[in-house]
Amino acid sequence: METGVIRVLASRWQGSVLVCGKCSKKLDGGFGEKGRTPLVKLLRQALGVKKGRKSDRGVVEVKCLGVCPKNAVVMVDGARPDRWMLVPAGADVTEVVANLTEDAAT
């Protein structure tokens, strides 16, 4: 059996944010004006994230982070992996983004 060579792809990402998809699904969105927009979508809009590797920062929805809070979504900033954030349903996205940029400054 032949083993493949590990390939490396260049990325412009300066950081990444992981958002629990299972939490988002339980809330049926939970964010935005009508409470139906997923946190991932709002974060991508607020941070101006482009598709794929061409963005400055990545916002990635992952399967499950294993915390499972009630009425909240678990989010991990790759720049601060020691602090996981529980974002309550309906939270203001500008406040969430401010928390991310504040973490990046420290």
Protein backbone atom coordinates (compact mmCIF):
# COMPACT_ATOMS: atom_id res chain seq x y z
CA MET A 1 0.00 0.00 0.00
CA GLU A 2 1.46 3.33 -1.06
CA THR A 3 1.32 6.19 1.39
CA GLY A 4 0.46 9.66 0.15
CA VAL A 5 2.60 12.70 0.61
CA ILE A 6 1.25 15.28 3.01
CA ARG A 7 0.48 18.44 1.11
CA VAL A 8 0.36 21.89 2.63
CA LEU A 9 -2.02 24.58 1.40
CA ALA A 10 -1.32 28.25 2.03
CA SER A 11 -3.94 30.24 3.88
CA ARG A 12 -4.35 33.90 4.76
CA TRP A 13 -6.01 33.07 8.07
CA GLN A 14 -4.67 35.03 11.03
CA GLY A 15 -7.00 33.15 13.36
CA SER A 16 -10.03 30.91 13.49
CA VAL A 17 -13.29 30.65 15.39
CA LEU A 18 -14.98 27.29 15.98
CA VAL A 19 -18.74 27.28 16.52
CA CYS A 20 -20.64 24.20 17.71
CA GLY A 21 -23.08 23.09 15.02
CA LYS A 22 -25.07 20.88 17.38
CA CYS A 23 -25.80 23.83 19.68
CA SER A 24 -26.83 25.94 16.68
CA LYS A 25 -29.15 23.21 15.46
CA LYS A 26 -30.80 22.91 18.88
CA LEU A 27 -31.51 26.67 18.88
CA ASP A 28 -32.82 26.51 15.29
CA GLY A 29 -30.68 29.54 14.50
CA GLY A 30 -31.27 31.61 17.61
CA PHE A 31 -29.68 34.87 16.46
CA GLY A 32 -30.44 37.89 14.30
CA GLU A 33 -33.54 40.07 14.17
CA LYS A 34 -36.02 37.20 13.93
CA GLY A 35 -33.96 34.72 15.96
CA ARG A 36 -33.60 32.34 13.03
CA THR A 37 -30.06 33.05 11.82
CA PRO A 38 -27.21 30.76 12.94
CA LEU A 39 -24.34 32.36 14.89
CA VAL A 40 -21.85 31.17 12.24
CA LYS A 41 -23.59 33.11 9.49
CA LEU A 42 -23.80 36.32 11.56
CA LEU A 43 -20.15 36.07 12.63
CA ARG A 44 -19.03 35.63 9.04
CA GLN A 45 -21.02 38.72 8.02
CA ALA A 46 -19.83 40.82 10.98
CA LEU A 47 -16.17 39.88 10.50
CA GLY A 48 -16.37 40.27 6.72
CA VAL A 49 -15.16 36.71 6.23
CA LYS A 50 -14.71 35.61 2.64
CA LYS A 51 -15.01 32.04 1.44
CA GLY A 52 -12.33 29.50 2.29
CA ARG A 53 -8.64 30.21 2.66
CA LYS A 54 -8.74 33.71 1.14
CA SER A 55 -10.14 35.35 4.25
CA ASP A 56 -8.14 36.94 7.07
CA ARG A 57 -9.96 34.81 9.62
CA GLY A 58 -11.91 31.58 9.47
CA VAL A 59 -15.26 30.91 11.09
CA VAL A 60 -15.88 27.17 11.06
CA GLU A 61 -18.94 25.25 12.22
CA VAL A 62 -17.86 21.97 13.83
CA LYS A 63 -19.98 18.96 14.77
CA CYS A 64 -20.06 19.05 18.59
CA LEU A 65 -17.70 20.49 21.17
CA GLY A 66 -19.22 18.37 23.97
CA VAL A 67 -20.31 21.14 26.35
CA CYS A 68 -24.00 21.36 25.36
CA PRO A 69 -25.29 24.39 27.34
CA LYS A 70 -29.00 25.20 27.45
CA ASN A 71 -30.10 28.06 25.18
CA ALA A 72 -26.54 28.95 24.14
CA VAL A 73 -23.92 28.11 21.52
CA VAL A 74 -20.35 27.10 22.38
CA MET A 75 -17.67 29.06 20.55
CA VAL A 76 -13.88 28.74 20.68
CA ASP A 77 -11.51 31.45 19.47
CA GLY A 78 -8.40 29.77 18.08
CA ALA A 79 -6.30 32.69 19.39
CA ARG A 80 -7.50 31.92 22.94
CA PRO A 81 -8.19 28.18 23.08
CA ASP A 82 -8.02 28.25 26.88
CA ARG A 83 -11.29 30.25 27.04
CA TRP A 84 -14.44 28.73 25.56
CA MET A 85 -17.40 31.09 25.23
CA LEU A 86 -21.05 30.25 25.80
CA VAL A 87 -23.01 32.67 23.63
CA PRO A 88 -26.65 32.90 24.79
CA ALA A 89 -29.40 32.77 22.18
CA GLY A 90 -30.26 36.22 20.90
CA ALA A 91 -26.93 37.75 21.99
CA ASP A 92 -25.85 40.88 20.13
CA VAL A 93 -23.33 39.89 17.46
CA THR A 94 -21.41 43.17 17.81
CA GLU A 95 -20.79 42.25 21.46
CA VAL A 96 -19.59 38.78 20.44
CA VAL A 97 -17.25 40.27 17.82
CA ALA A 98 -15.98 42.82 20.38
CA ASN A 99 -15.18 39.93 22.72
CA LEU A 100 -13.23 38.21 19.93
CA THR A 101 -11.24 41.33 19.00
CA GLU A 102 -10.62 42.10 22.68
CA ASP A 103 -9.19 38.60 23.10
CA ALA A 104 -6.93 39.10 20.10
CA ALA A 105 -5.53 42.34 21.59
CA THR A 106 -4.47 40.68 24.85
